[in-house]
Protein backbone atom coordinates (compact mmCIF):
# COMPACT_ATOMS: atom_id res chain seq x y z
CA MET A 1 97.43 55.38 -55.63
CA THR A 2 94.74 56.47 -53.22
CA GLY A 3 94.26 55.25 -49.69
CA THR A 4 91.27 53.25 -50.89
CA TYR A 5 93.47 51.36 -53.35
CA ASP A 6 96.05 50.78 -50.61
CA ASP A 7 93.28 49.36 -48.42
CA ARG A 8 92.03 47.17 -51.28
CA ARG A 9 95.53 45.92 -52.01
CA ALA A 10 95.97 44.97 -48.34
CA GLU A 11 92.56 43.28 -48.29
CA LEU A 12 93.31 41.33 -51.48
CA LEU A 13 96.74 40.26 -50.22
CA ALA A 14 95.24 39.09 -46.91
CA MET A 15 92.51 37.19 -48.76
CA ARG A 16 95.13 35.62 -51.03
CA GLY A 17 97.12 34.49 -48.00
CA ARG A 18 94.07 32.94 -46.32
CA ILE A 19 93.09 31.07 -49.48
CA LEU A 20 96.60 29.76 -50.08
CA GLY A 21 96.80 28.70 -46.43
CA ALA A 22 93.51 26.84 -46.66
CA ALA A 23 94.58 25.15 -49.91
CA HIS A 24 97.87 24.14 -48.30
CA ASP A 25 95.98 22.63 -45.37
CA ILE A 26 93.84 20.59 -47.76
CA VAL A 27 96.91 19.29 -49.58
CA GLN A 28 98.65 18.56 -46.28
CA ASP A 29 95.63 16.62 -44.99
CA ASP A 30 95.56 14.57 -48.19
CA THR A 31 99.30 13.89 -47.94
CA ASP A 32 99.04 12.89 -44.28
CA ASP A 33 96.11 10.54 -44.95
CA SER A 34 97.78 7.46 -46.36
CA GLU A 35 94.98 5.06 -45.39
CA LEU A 36 93.53 5.07 -48.90
CA SER A 37 96.72 3.98 -50.59
CA SER A 38 98.14 1.71 -47.90
CA ALA A 39 95.10 -0.18 -46.68
CA ALA A 40 92.58 -0.02 -49.52
CA GLY A 41 92.38 -3.80 -49.56
CA ASP A 42 91.37 -3.88 -45.90
CA GLN A 43 88.60 -1.31 -46.21
CA HIS A 44 84.94 -1.89 -46.72
CA LEU A 45 83.83 -0.76 -50.17
CA ALA A 46 81.66 2.03 -48.70
CA ASP A 47 84.61 3.36 -46.67
CA HIS A 48 86.80 3.36 -49.75
CA ALA A 49 84.11 5.16 -51.77
CA SER A 50 83.70 7.74 -49.02
CA GLU A 51 87.43 8.46 -48.99
CA MET A 52 87.48 8.77 -52.77
CA PHE A 53 84.59 11.23 -52.60
CA ASP A 54 86.39 13.26 -49.93
CA ARG A 55 89.51 13.43 -52.09
CA GLU A 56 87.49 14.56 -55.10
CA VAL A 57 85.90 17.31 -53.00
CA ASP A 58 89.34 18.36 -51.77
CA GLU A 59 90.67 18.47 -55.34
CA SER A 60 87.71 20.60 -56.38
CA LEU A 61 88.35 22.98 -53.48
CA GLU A 62 92.02 23.21 -54.45
CA GLU A 63 91.12 24.05 -58.05
CA ASN A 64 88.64 26.68 -56.87
CA ALA A 65 91.27 28.19 -54.57
CA GLU A 66 93.75 28.37 -57.45
CA ALA A 67 91.17 30.12 -59.64
CA ILE A 68 90.36 32.68 -56.95
CA VAL A 69 94.07 33.35 -56.34
CA GLN A 70 94.45 34.02 -60.08
CA GLU A 71 91.50 36.44 -59.93
CA ILE A 72 93.05 38.17 -56.93
CA ASP A 73 96.38 38.45 -58.72
CA ALA A 74 94.59 39.97 -61.72
CA ALA A 75 92.84 42.47 -59.41
CA LEU A 76 96.20 43.45 -57.93
CA GLY A 77 97.43 44.01 -61.48
CA ARG A 78 94.41 46.21 -62.21
CA ILE A 79 95.22 48.26 -59.12
CA ASP A 80 98.76 48.70 -60.45
CA ASP A 81 97.64 49.74 -63.92
CA GLY A 82 94.82 51.97 -62.71
CA THR A 83 91.89 49.99 -64.08
CA TYR A 84 90.71 48.50 -60.78
CA GLY A 85 87.02 49.13 -60.16
CA THR A 86 86.16 49.53 -63.85
CA CYS A 87 83.86 46.98 -65.49
CA LEU A 88 85.74 45.06 -68.15
CA ARG A 89 82.62 44.72 -70.29
CA CYS A 90 80.94 48.14 -70.28
CA GLY A 91 83.69 50.36 -68.84
CA ASN A 92 81.46 51.82 -66.12
CA PRO A 93 82.61 51.97 -62.51
CA ILE A 94 81.93 48.88 -60.43
CA PRO A 95 79.87 49.97 -57.39
CA GLU A 96 81.78 50.19 -54.13
CA GLU A 97 79.32 47.77 -52.49
CA ARG A 98 80.15 45.11 -55.09
CA LEU A 99 83.88 45.59 -54.61
CA LEU A 100 83.43 45.28 -50.86
CA ALA A 101 81.60 41.98 -51.37
CA VAL A 102 83.88 40.66 -54.13
CA PRO A 103 87.11 42.69 -54.16
CA TYR A 104 88.37 40.90 -57.28
CA ALA A 105 85.17 41.56 -59.29
CA VAL A 106 85.70 42.45 -62.96
CA LEU A 107 82.10 43.17 -63.90
CA CYS A 108 79.56 45.67 -62.62
CA VAL A 109 76.31 44.30 -61.21
CA THR A 110 74.39 44.76 -64.48
CA CYS A 111 77.01 43.03 -66.64
CA LYS A 112 77.43 40.20 -64.11
CA ARG A 113 73.66 39.69 -64.06
CA ASP A 114 73.60 39.62 -67.89
CA GLU A 115 76.47 37.10 -67.92
CA GLU A 116 74.68 34.80 -65.48
CA ARG A 117 71.47 34.90 -67.52
CA ALA A 118 73.27 33.95 -70.73
């Protein structure tokens, strides 16, 4: 494995740790906030709705974090098997600039653009 792959692995692992930490903080905040379940009868309807909305946003963020962690894990696997940096659709190299921006990218810029248009 080249130094570049070692650097990418370290970057991906650090990113994974930050995302898991942020997701843990969201879960911890939801667990610590018992106002919704314990005093829902005492709340104004708008306050209750606002808390429900906040929880839905938090759940969405948690799901997004889980998806990104899965993508990071897949990228780490591609580093291990030697396919990291190769577009899964066309087989061409993914440009370095794209991998710097999205280190877990699986598609080159052209294929990603085509996917988004479809």
